[in-house]
Amino acid sequence: MSSVFYDIETIPLPLAQREHMRPNPWEFKTGNLKDPEKLKVKRAEMMKAWDKGEGAALDPMLGRIALIGMCVGDGPYEFIADDDEKKMLLDWWKLVGDSETGMCIAHNFRFDLGFIIRRSWLNGISVPMRFIQNAESYNPSMWGDTMKAWQLGDRQLAYVSLERLAAVFGVAPYQGEVTGKEFWKWWAKDKQACIDYNRWDVEATRECWWQMGGV
């Protein structure tokens, strides 16, 4: 069976779909500001940023999956992208549930998989319990993680980014301008650049996994 190396990219939901989650401006953290006028301006700025969707892409209640990239075994990069998120997720679960599919591997897989499962629930998709229970185990057999592999069970070891891990394994760095933080802005203006960014993540994850002895 061939492993699936994957990575997701997320974007904010449209404002109309986030409106019911609108925060109270008084709940924003404003640091040590005390001046009432400055606090008023700060809260207004933070609400404006919320309206634009800043930070929403990291929260499955406020964001959605825009792209799922993958490589099956040593095969070429492929991706699933659709305005219909439910269709994307159904295609993903069909792939994962294939009897010929081996372990699914990502970097920091609990973020990617957690987002996929939560967005599946919110799209009315029933996720087989075996996938959830296996993900919750300390040593999952279905889900691989390059970050966890590098930690070797040492929970005190600091988080290592894929970029840093890839660098020490000699993987050529990503050369584009897209960043994870700004992905949602790039998705609106240059989808091909976003796909190239995702391709690097998937292929770098695969190369790191292989160099650490995975198959």
Foldseek 3Di string as FASTA:
>chain_A
DWEKFKDWAKAFDQLVQCVVVQDDLVPDDDDPDDDPVVSVVVSVVVSVCVNVPQPQRQDLSGMATAKMWIATHPHAIDMDGDPPRQVSLVVVVVVLPDPPYFAYEAAVVCSVVVSSVVNCVVVVHDDPVVVVVLVPDPDRRRYHHLQVLVCVPVPPDDGDDLQRLLVVVPHDHDDDDDDSSCLNVCCVPPVVSSVSVRSSRRVSRVSSCVVSPHD
